[in-house]
Amino acid sequence: MRIILTNDDGIEAEGIRILANVLQNEHDITVIAPDTQKSACGHSITIYRPLTVKEYKIDGLNSKCFSIDGTPADCVKMGINKLVDGKVDLIISGINDGLNVGTDVLYSGTVSAAIEGAIYKIPSIAVSMDRDCGKIKYETAALFIKKLLNNFDITTIGDDVVLNINVPNIDYSKIKGYKVCNLGTRIYSNIFIEKSSNDVEKVYEIQGKPTDDIIENTDVYFINNGYITITPLHYDLTNFKLLKSVENEFKNQFSLK
């Protein structure tokens, strides 16, 4: 397959290098990633200045690599429309340094890059690793993605769906299995630390830890129990369960006349 690999941790991140190295012998890989760290940038794109693209060399990779001074979504747009010749078969964003479970997906540059691929009707995967338990074992996620591509036809689930995959930070041999499941809830207890101040302004740094709501059969629950989680996502945020009832309430309560 012709695959674009991207991330939000930057072109020099260990996760994207390990994933590219595992996949490059079996697939046509192009690495296109931000030139600097872009975590939690969401689905932003760059529209008020030009983007600078540079060819980049990553040790151990034979694939073409590019850095872009933009966002993960920029990287996918540029890759599809300019940098990759021919039809792109798959977008993979990751391997991210840290989970993207629950409500993390709303902030995540990793997930947003994959969603950008889905907007272009290209099957897309976002893959992230837990960072608990010391050094991140990116090889576990890379081996899972390799096995997935070799044994599962991702096109069967639709070309506008993102598979959001999260992997425990343990050896591959210790993975209990995988679960296709709902998003859970992850809320951060944010603390704003004052770093400096003067008569005109104050400077704050945000710090915080996640507070997980451990509800059974969600990604937050299963990742904490040693399973790889797979959650299908779509960029249409319409709440279809409420659509009709909201329409009825507006008819009952509100008129422009």
C-alpha atoms as a PDB file:
ATOM      1  CA  MET A   1       0.000   0.000   0.000  1.00  0.00           C
ATOM      2  CA  ARG A   2       0.971   3.626  -0.517  1.00  0.00           C
ATOM      3  CA  ILE A   3       0.900   5.073   3.000  1.00  0.00           C
ATOM      4  CA  ILE A   4       1.436   8.528   4.487  1.00  0.00           C
ATOM      5  CA  LEU A   5       2.825   8.446   8.019  1.00  0.00           C
ATOM      6  CA  THR A   6       2.409  11.571  10.115  1.00  0.00           C
ATOM      7  CA  ASN A   7       2.180  12.573  13.776  1.00  0.00           C
ATOM      8  CA  ASP A   8       1.919  15.530  16.138  1.00  0.00           C
ATOM      9  CA  ASP A   9       5.140  14.847  18.063  1.00  0.00           C
ATOM     10  CA  GLY A  10       7.354  16.083  15.229  1.00  0.00           C
ATOM     11  CA  ILE A  11       9.545  14.631  12.511  1.00  0.00           C
ATOM     12  CA  GLU A  12      12.255  13.556  14.966  1.00  0.00           C
ATOM     13  CA  ALA A  13       9.894  11.620  17.253  1.00  0.00           C
ATOM     14  CA  GLU A  14      10.870   8.055  18.083  1.00  0.00           C
ATOM     15  CA  GLY A  15       7.382   6.672  17.516  1.00  0.00           C
ATOM     16  CA  ILE A  16       7.093   7.619  13.850  1.00  0.00           C
ATOM     17  CA  ARG A  17      10.633   6.390  13.126  1.00  0.00           C
ATOM     18  CA  ILE A  18       9.968   2.968  14.657  1.00  0.00           C
ATOM     19  CA  LEU A  19       6.643   2.598  12.847  1.00  0.00           C
ATOM     20  CA  ALA A  20       8.154   3.589   9.495  1.00  0.00           C
ATOM     21  CA  ASN A  21      11.035   1.178  10.003  1.00  0.00           C
ATOM     22  CA  VAL A  22       8.663  -1.725  10.684  1.00  0.00           C
ATOM     23  CA  LEU A  23       6.424  -0.986   7.675  1.00  0.00           C
ATOM     24  CA  GLN A  24       8.832   0.250   4.985  1.00  0.00           C
ATOM     25  CA  ASN A  25       9.840  -3.166   3.615  1.00  0.00           C
ATOM     26  CA  GLU A  26       6.236  -4.144   2.847  1.00  0.00           C
ATOM     27  CA  HIS A  27       4.684  -0.789   1.901  1.00  0.00           C
ATOM     28  CA  ASP A  28       5.418   2.415  -0.002  1.00  0.00           C
ATOM     29  CA  ILE A  29       5.910   4.800   2.902  1.00  0.00           C
ATOM     30  CA  THR A  30       6.160   8.600   2.852  1.00  0.00           C
ATOM     31  CA  VAL A  31       6.805  10.287   6.196  1.00  0.00           C
ATOM     32  CA  ILE A  32       5.342  13.807   6.412  1.00  0.00           C
ATOM     33  CA  ALA A  33       5.406  15.351   9.868  1.00  0.00           C
ATOM     34  CA  PRO A  34       5.556  18.739  11.630  1.00  0.00           C
ATOM     35  CA  ASP A  35       9.032  20.157  12.096  1.00  0.00           C
ATOM     36  CA  THR A  36       8.362  20.710  15.818  1.00  0.00           C
ATOM     37  CA  GLN A  37       6.161  19.384  18.597  1.00  0.00           C
ATOM     38  CA  LYS A  38       2.470  20.053  17.857  1.00  0.00           C
ATOM     39  CA  SER A  39       0.671  18.023  20.505  1.00  0.00           C
ATOM     40  CA  ALA A  40      -2.872  19.083  21.447  1.00  0.00           C
ATOM     41  CA  CYS A  41      -3.166  21.402  18.445  1.00  0.00           C
ATOM     42  CA  GLY A  42      -6.440  19.770  17.430  1.00  0.00           C
ATOM     43  CA  HIS A  43      -7.588  20.100  13.835  1.00  0.00           C
ATOM     44  CA  SER A  44      -6.028  23.474  13.153  1.00  0.00           C
ATOM     45  CA  ILE A  45      -4.633  24.319   9.717  1.00  0.00           C
ATOM     46  CA  THR A  46      -2.318  27.106   8.581  1.00  0.00           C
ATOM     47  CA  ILE A  47      -4.016  29.699   6.347  1.00  0.00           C
ATOM     48  CA  TYR A  48      -2.416  33.097   7.060  1.00  0.00           C
ATOM     49  CA  ARG A  49       1.169  32.312   6.057  1.00  0.00           C
ATOM     50  CA  PRO A  50       2.981  30.054   3.567  1.00  0.00           C
ATOM     51  CA  LEU A  51       4.110  26.601   4.614  1.00  0.00           C
ATOM     52  CA  THR A  52       7.753  25.569   4.329  1.00  0.00           C
ATOM     53  CA  VAL A  53       8.437  21.972   3.268  1.00  0.00           C
ATOM     54  CA  LYS A  54      11.877  20.404   3.657  1.00  0.00           C
ATOM     55  CA  GLU A  55      13.147  16.996   2.634  1.00  0.00           C
ATOM     56  CA  TYR A  56      14.392  15.246   5.742  1.00  0.00           C
ATOM     57  CA  LYS A  57      16.666  12.292   6.429  1.00  0.00           C
ATOM     58  CA  ILE A  58      15.784   9.910   9.246  1.00  0.00           C
ATOM     59  CA  ASP A  59      18.491   7.394  10.126  1.00  0.00           C
ATOM     60  CA  GLY A  60      17.555   3.849   9.199  1.00  0.00           C
ATOM     61  CA  LEU A  61      14.747   4.794   6.827  1.00  0.00           C
ATOM     62  CA  ASN A  62      14.797   4.369   3.060  1.00  0.00           C
ATOM     63  CA  SER A  63      11.454   6.125   2.673  1.00  0.00           C
ATOM     64  CA  LYS A  64      11.011   9.718   1.552  1.00  0.00           C
ATOM     65  CA  CYS A  65      10.632  12.033   4.533  1.00  0.00           C
ATOM     66  CA  PHE A  66       9.427  15.640   4.710  1.00  0.00           C
ATOM     67  CA  SER A  67       9.095  18.147   7.521  1.00  0.00           C
ATOM     68  CA  ILE A  68       6.511  20.939   7.389  1.00  0.00           C
ATOM     69  CA  ASP A  69       6.360  24.017   9.604  1.00  0.00           C
ATOM     70  CA  GLY A  70       2.656  23.503  10.135  1.00  0.00           C
ATOM     71  CA  THR A  71       0.149  21.274  11.874  1.00  0.00           C
ATOM     72  CA  PRO A  72      -0.542  17.546  11.517  1.00  0.00           C
ATOM     73  CA  ALA A  73      -3.626  18.327   9.404  1.00  0.00           C
ATOM     74  CA  ASP A  74      -1.417  20.522   7.170  1.00  0.00           C
ATOM     75  CA  CYS A  75       0.912  17.564   6.700  1.00  0.00           C
ATOM     76  CA  VAL A  76      -1.886  15.311   5.502  1.00  0.00           C
ATOM     77  CA  LYS A  77      -3.317  17.960   3.170  1.00  0.00           C
ATOM     78  CA  MET A  78       0.111  18.662   1.687  1.00  0.00           C
ATOM     79  CA  GLY A  79       0.895  14.988   1.340  1.00  0.00           C
ATOM     80  CA  ILE A  80      -2.306  14.122  -0.495  1.00  0.00           C
ATOM     81  CA  ASN A  81      -2.340  17.174  -2.760  1.00  0.00           C
ATOM     82  CA  LYS A  82       1.344  17.814  -3.434  1.00  0.00           C
ATOM     83  CA  LEU A  83       4.017  15.502  -2.054  1.00  0.00           C
ATOM     84  CA  VAL A  84       2.855  11.969  -2.868  1.00  0.00           C
ATOM     85  CA  ASP A  85       2.511  10.845  -6.478  1.00  0.00           C
ATOM     86  CA  GLY A  86      -0.543   8.738  -7.175  1.00  0.00           C
ATOM     87  CA  LYS A  87      -3.417   7.573  -5.010  1.00  0.00           C
ATOM     88  CA  VAL A  88      -2.789   7.360  -1.273  1.00  0.00           C
ATOM     89  CA  ASP A  89      -4.210   4.133   0.150  1.00  0.00           C
ATOM     90  CA  LEU A  90      -3.891   4.798   3.867  1.00  0.00           C
ATOM     91  CA  ILE A  91      -3.052   7.501   6.409  1.00  0.00           C
ATOM     92  CA  ILE A  92      -1.439   6.461   9.697  1.00  0.00           C
ATOM     93  CA  SER A  93      -0.889   9.072  12.402  1.00  0.00           C
ATOM     94  CA  GLY A  94       1.478   8.102  15.224  1.00  0.00           C
ATOM     95  CA  ILE A  95       2.860   6.366  17.072  1.00  0.00           C
ATOM     96  CA  ASN A  96       1.925   9.044  19.597  1.00  0.00           C
ATOM     97  CA  ASP A  97       3.775   9.612  22.860  1.00  0.00           C
ATOM     98  CA  GLY A  98       0.795   9.221  25.196  1.00  0.00           C
ATOM     99  CA  LEU A  99      -2.733   7.902  24.959  1.00  0.00           C
ATOM    100  CA  ASN A 100      -5.571   9.461  22.999  1.00  0.00           C
ATOM    101  CA  VAL A 101      -8.541   7.948  24.788  1.00  0.00           C
ATOM    102  CA  GLY A 102     -11.901   9.384  25.751  1.00  0.00           C
ATOM    103  CA  THR A 103     -12.218  13.121  25.343  1.00  0.00           C
ATOM    104  CA  ASP A 104      -8.511  13.385  24.400  1.00  0.00           C
ATOM    105  CA  VAL A 105      -9.601  12.923  20.784  1.00  0.00           C
ATOM    106  CA  LEU A 106     -11.080  16.438  20.755  1.00  0.00           C
ATOM    107  CA  TYR A 107      -7.666  18.019  21.410  1.00  0.00           C
ATOM    108  CA  SER A 108      -5.383  15.523  19.717  1.00  0.00           C
ATOM    109  CA  GLY A 109      -3.292  16.514  16.717  1.00  0.00           C
ATOM    110  CA  THR A 110      -2.649  12.802  16.187  1.00  0.00           C
ATOM    111  CA  VAL A 111      -6.341  11.990  15.816  1.00  0.00           C
ATOM    112  CA  SER A 112      -7.003  15.155  13.800  1.00  0.00           C
ATOM    113  CA  ALA A 113      -4.391  14.189  11.217  1.00  0.00           C
ATOM    114  CA  ALA A 114      -6.166  10.862  10.721  1.00  0.00           C
ATOM    115  CA  ILE A 115      -9.541  12.614  10.505  1.00  0.00           C
ATOM    116  CA  GLU A 116      -8.101  14.855   7.770  1.00  0.00           C
ATOM    117  CA  GLY A 117      -7.375  11.710   5.795  1.00  0.00           C
ATOM    118  CA  ALA A 118     -10.936  10.494   6.309  1.00  0.00           C
ATOM    119  CA  ILE A 119     -12.266  13.831   5.018  1.00  0.00           C
ATOM    120  CA  TYR A 120     -10.431  13.021   1.777  1.00  0.00           C
ATOM    121  CA  LYS A 121     -12.114   9.577   1.798  1.00  0.00           C
ATOM    122  CA  ILE A 122      -8.857   7.776   2.598  1.00  0.00           C
ATOM    123  CA  PRO A 123      -8.932   5.045   5.264  1.00  0.00           C
ATOM    124  CA  SER A 124      -7.066   6.377   8.298  1.00  0.00           C
ATOM    125  CA  ILE A 125      -5.601   5.146  11.571  1.00  0.00           C
ATOM    126  CA  ALA A 126      -4.503   7.063  14.652  1.00  0.00           C
ATOM    127  CA  VAL A 127      -2.260   5.032  16.956  1.00  0.00           C
ATOM    128  CA  SER A 128      -1.074   6.070  20.409  1.00  0.00           C
ATOM    129  CA  MET A 129       0.941   4.507  23.241  1.00  0.00           C
ATOM    130  CA  ASP A 130       0.470   4.797  26.970  1.00  0.00           C
ATOM    131  CA  ARG A 131       3.482   6.514  28.539  1.00  0.00           C
ATOM    132  CA  ASP A 132       3.152   4.951  32.000  1.00  0.00           C
ATOM    133  CA  CYS A 133       5.591   2.311  33.239  1.00  0.00           C
ATOM    134  CA  GLY A 134       8.855   3.899  32.111  1.00  0.00           C
ATOM    135  CA  LYS A 135      10.325   3.834  28.611  1.00  0.00           C
ATOM    136  CA  ILE A 136       7.653   3.709  25.917  1.00  0.00           C
ATOM    137  CA  LYS A 137       7.584   0.371  24.094  1.00  0.00           C
ATOM    138  CA  TYR A 138       6.731   1.718  20.637  1.00  0.00           C
ATOM    139  CA  GLU A 139       7.602  -1.657  19.131  1.00  0.00           C
ATOM    140  CA  THR A 140       4.423  -3.119  20.620  1.00  0.00           C
ATOM    141  CA  ALA A 141       2.206  -0.698  18.717  1.00  0.00           C
ATOM    142  CA  ALA A 142       4.302  -1.017  15.540  1.00  0.00           C
ATOM    143  CA  LEU A 143       4.008  -4.807  15.549  1.00  0.00           C
ATOM    144  CA  PHE A 144       0.254  -4.563  16.066  1.00  0.00           C
ATOM    145  CA  ILE A 145      -0.151  -2.150  13.137  1.00  0.00           C
ATOM    146  CA  LYS A 146       1.989  -4.405  10.921  1.00  0.00           C
ATOM    147  CA  LYS A 147      -0.141  -7.432  11.847  1.00  0.00           C
ATOM    148  CA  LEU A 148      -3.339  -5.431  11.319  1.00  0.00           C
ATOM    149  CA  LEU A 149      -2.331  -4.334   7.808  1.00  0.00           C
ATOM    150  CA  ASN A 150      -1.343  -7.870   6.875  1.00  0.00           C
ATOM    151  CA  ASN A 151      -4.529  -9.518   8.138  1.00  0.00           C
ATOM    152  CA  PHE A 152      -7.361  -6.971   8.008  1.00  0.00           C
ATOM    153  CA  ASP A 153      -8.846  -5.127   5.027  1.00  0.00           C
ATOM    154  CA  ILE A 154      -9.425  -1.669   6.454  1.00  0.00           C
ATOM    155  CA  THR A 155     -11.436  -0.620   3.390  1.00  0.00           C
ATOM    156  CA  THR A 156     -14.276  -2.895   4.525  1.00  0.00           C
ATOM    157  CA  ILE A 157     -15.255  -0.449   7.296  1.00  0.00           C
ATOM    158  CA  GLY A 158     -15.591   2.545   4.958  1.00  0.00           C
ATOM    159  CA  ASP A 159     -13.274   5.173   3.547  1.00  0.00           C
ATOM    160  CA  ASP A 160     -14.394   7.991   5.847  1.00  0.00           C
ATOM    161  CA  VAL A 161     -13.830   6.233   9.170  1.00  0.00           C
ATOM    162  CA  VAL A 162     -10.859   6.678  11.518  1.00  0.00           C
ATOM    163  CA  LEU A 163      -9.703   3.780  13.648  1.00  0.00           C
ATOM    164  CA  ASN A 164      -8.453   5.297  16.894  1.00  0.00           C
ATOM    165  CA  ILE A 165      -6.059   2.715  18.355  1.00  0.00           C
ATOM    166  CA  ASN A 166      -4.503   2.898  21.820  1.00  0.00           C
ATOM    167  CA  VAL A 167      -1.860   0.501  23.089  1.00  0.00           C
ATOM    168  CA  PRO A 168      -0.740  -0.312  26.653  1.00  0.00           C
ATOM    169  CA  ASN A 169       2.920   0.305  27.409  1.00  0.00           C
ATOM    170  CA  ILE A 170       3.828  -3.356  27.798  1.00  0.00           C
ATOM    171  CA  ASP A 171       5.627  -5.988  25.733  1.00  0.00           C
ATOM    172  CA  TYR A 172       3.623  -7.355  22.788  1.00  0.00           C
ATOM    173  CA  SER A 173       3.657 -10.831  24.352  1.00  0.00           C
ATOM    174  CA  LYS A 174       1.819  -9.480  27.413  1.00  0.00           C
ATOM    175  CA  ILE A 175      -1.053  -7.880  25.492  1.00  0.00           C
ATOM    176  CA  LYS A 176      -4.301  -9.595  26.551  1.00  0.00           C
ATOM    177  CA  GLY A 177      -5.987  -8.940  23.226  1.00  0.00           C
ATOM    178  CA  TYR A 178      -7.896  -6.133  21.558  1.00  0.00           C
ATOM    179  CA  LYS A 179     -11.318  -4.592  22.144  1.00  0.00           C
ATOM    180  CA  VAL A 180     -13.466  -2.613  19.719  1.00  0.00           C
ATOM    181  CA  CYS A 181     -15.186  -0.215  22.083  1.00  0.00           C
ATOM    182  CA  ASN A 182     -16.671   3.194  22.822  1.00  0.00           C
ATOM    183  CA  LEU A 183     -14.776   6.287  23.839  1.00  0.00           C
ATOM    184  CA  GLY A 184     -14.618   6.734  27.578  1.00  0.00           C
ATOM    185  CA  THR A 185     -14.240   9.897  29.630  1.00  0.00           C
ATOM    186  CA  ARG A 186     -10.936  11.555  30.465  1.00  0.00           C
ATOM    187  CA  ILE A 187     -10.993  14.923  32.202  1.00  0.00           C
ATOM    188  CA  TYR A 188      -7.868  16.787  33.281  1.00  0.00           C
ATOM    189  CA  SER A 189      -7.503  18.441  36.661  1.00  0.00           C
ATOM    190  CA  ASN A 190      -5.774  21.457  35.174  1.00  0.00           C
ATOM    191  CA  ILE A 191      -3.592  23.667  37.331  1.00  0.00           C
ATOM    192  CA  PHE A 192      -2.331  27.031  36.123  1.00  0.00           C
ATOM    193  CA  ILE A 193       1.103  27.830  37.526  1.00  0.00           C
ATOM    194  CA  GLU A 194       2.166  31.487  37.490  1.00  0.00           C
ATOM    195  CA  LYS A 195       5.628  31.628  35.930  1.00  0.00           C
ATOM    196  CA  SER A 196       6.220  35.376  35.887  1.00  0.00           C
ATOM    197  CA  SER A 197       4.363  38.665  36.181  1.00  0.00           C
ATOM    198  CA  ASN A 198       4.748  42.404  35.920  1.00  0.00           C
ATOM    199  CA  ASP A 199       2.467  45.431  36.007  1.00  0.00           C
ATOM    200  CA  VAL A 200       1.090  44.641  32.555  1.00  0.00           C
ATOM    201  CA  GLU A 201       0.751  40.871  32.341  1.00  0.00           C
ATOM    202  CA  LYS A 202       1.046  37.533  34.042  1.00  0.00           C
ATOM    203  CA  VAL A 203       2.427  34.362  32.446  1.00  0.00           C
ATOM    204  CA  TYR A 204       0.891  30.990  33.309  1.00  0.00           C
ATOM    205  CA  GLU A 205       1.859  27.430  32.487  1.00  0.00           C
ATOM    206  CA  ILE A 206      -0.835  24.783  32.374  1.00  0.00           C
ATOM    207  CA  GLN A 207      -0.175  21.554  34.230  1.00  0.00           C
ATOM    208  CA  GLY A 208      -2.578  18.781  35.011  1.00  0.00           C
ATOM    209  CA  LYS A 209      -3.225  15.086  35.377  1.00  0.00           C
ATOM    210  CA  PRO A 210      -5.998  13.037  33.792  1.00  0.00           C
ATOM    211  CA  THR A 211      -8.917  11.926  35.913  1.00  0.00           C
ATOM    212  CA  ASP A 212     -10.321   8.871  34.191  1.00  0.00           C
ATOM    213  CA  ASP A 213     -13.936   7.860  34.606  1.00  0.00           C
ATOM    214  CA  ILE A 214     -13.514   4.080  34.491  1.00  0.00           C
ATOM    215  CA  ILE A 215     -16.744   2.939  32.841  1.00  0.00           C
ATOM    216  CA  GLU A 216     -16.815  -0.661  31.644  1.00  0.00           C
ATOM    217  CA  ASN A 217     -16.644  -1.404  27.904  1.00  0.00           C
ATOM    218  CA  THR A 218     -14.881   1.873  27.067  1.00  0.00           C
ATOM    219  CA  ASP A 219     -11.369   2.530  25.798  1.00  0.00           C
ATOM    220  CA  VAL A 220     -10.349   4.014  29.157  1.00  0.00           C
ATOM    221  CA  TYR A 221     -11.485   0.850  30.920  1.00  0.00           C
ATOM    222  CA  PHE A 222      -9.845  -1.658  28.576  1.00  0.00           C
ATOM    223  CA  ILE A 223      -6.519   0.176  28.215  1.00  0.00           C
ATOM    224  CA  ASN A 224      -6.198   0.011  31.993  1.00  0.00           C
ATOM    225  CA  ASN A 225      -6.756  -3.742  31.826  1.00  0.00           C
ATOM    226  CA  GLY A 226      -4.034  -4.616  29.333  1.00  0.00           C
ATOM    227  CA  TYR A 227      -5.999  -4.544  26.066  1.00  0.00           C
ATOM    228  CA  ILE A 228      -5.368  -2.673  22.833  1.00  0.00           C
ATOM    229  CA  THR A 229      -8.437  -0.544  22.141  1.00  0.00           C
ATOM    230  CA  ILE A 230      -9.949   0.232  18.736  1.00  0.00           C
ATOM    231  CA  THR A 231     -12.628   2.911  18.431  1.00  0.00           C
ATOM    232  CA  PRO A 232     -14.166   3.920  15.087  1.00  0.00           C
ATOM    233  CA  LEU A 233     -14.488   7.709  14.782  1.00  0.00           C
ATOM    234  CA  HIS A 234     -16.198  10.005  12.288  1.00  0.00           C
ATOM    235  CA  TYR A 235     -15.871  13.721  11.703  1.00  0.00           C
ATOM    236  CA  ASP A 236     -19.635  14.297  11.602  1.00  0.00           C
ATOM    237  CA  LEU A 237     -20.296  15.469  15.174  1.00  0.00           C
ATOM    238  CA  THR A 238     -24.077  15.558  14.759  1.00  0.00           C
ATOM    239  CA  ASN A 239     -25.881  14.037  17.741  1.00  0.00           C
ATOM    240  CA  PHE A 240     -28.282  11.905  15.723  1.00  0.00           C
ATOM    241  CA  LYS A 241     -29.977  10.555  18.864  1.00  0.00           C
ATOM    242  CA  LEU A 242     -31.167  14.057  19.716  1.00  0.00           C
ATOM    243  CA  LEU A 243     -31.741  15.469  16.235  1.00  0.00           C
ATOM    244  CA  LYS A 244     -35.475  14.791  16.051  1.00  0.00           C
ATOM    245  CA  SER A 245     -36.232  15.787  19.643  1.00  0.00           C
ATOM    246  CA  VAL A 246     -34.327  19.071  19.271  1.00  0.00           C
ATOM    247  CA  GLU A 247     -36.248  19.784  16.064  1.00  0.00           C
ATOM    248  CA  ASN A 248     -39.529  19.171  17.860  1.00  0.00           C
ATOM    249  CA  GLU A 249     -38.569  21.417  20.776  1.00  0.00           C
ATOM    250  CA  PHE A 250     -37.722  24.252  18.408  1.00  0.00           C
ATOM    251  CA  LYS A 251     -41.055  23.827  16.638  1.00  0.00           C
ATOM    252  CA  ASN A 252     -42.867  23.937  19.978  1.00  0.00           C
ATOM    253  CA  GLN A 253     -40.973  26.866  21.508  1.00  0.00           C
ATOM    254  CA  PHE A 254     -39.490  29.109  18.861  1.00  0.00           C
ATOM    255  CA  SER A 255     -40.608  31.052  15.789  1.00  0.00           C
ATOM    256  CA  LEU A 256     -38.954  33.762  13.728  1.00  0.00           C
ATOM    257  CA  LYS A 257     -42.284  35.560  13.244  1.00  0.00           C
END
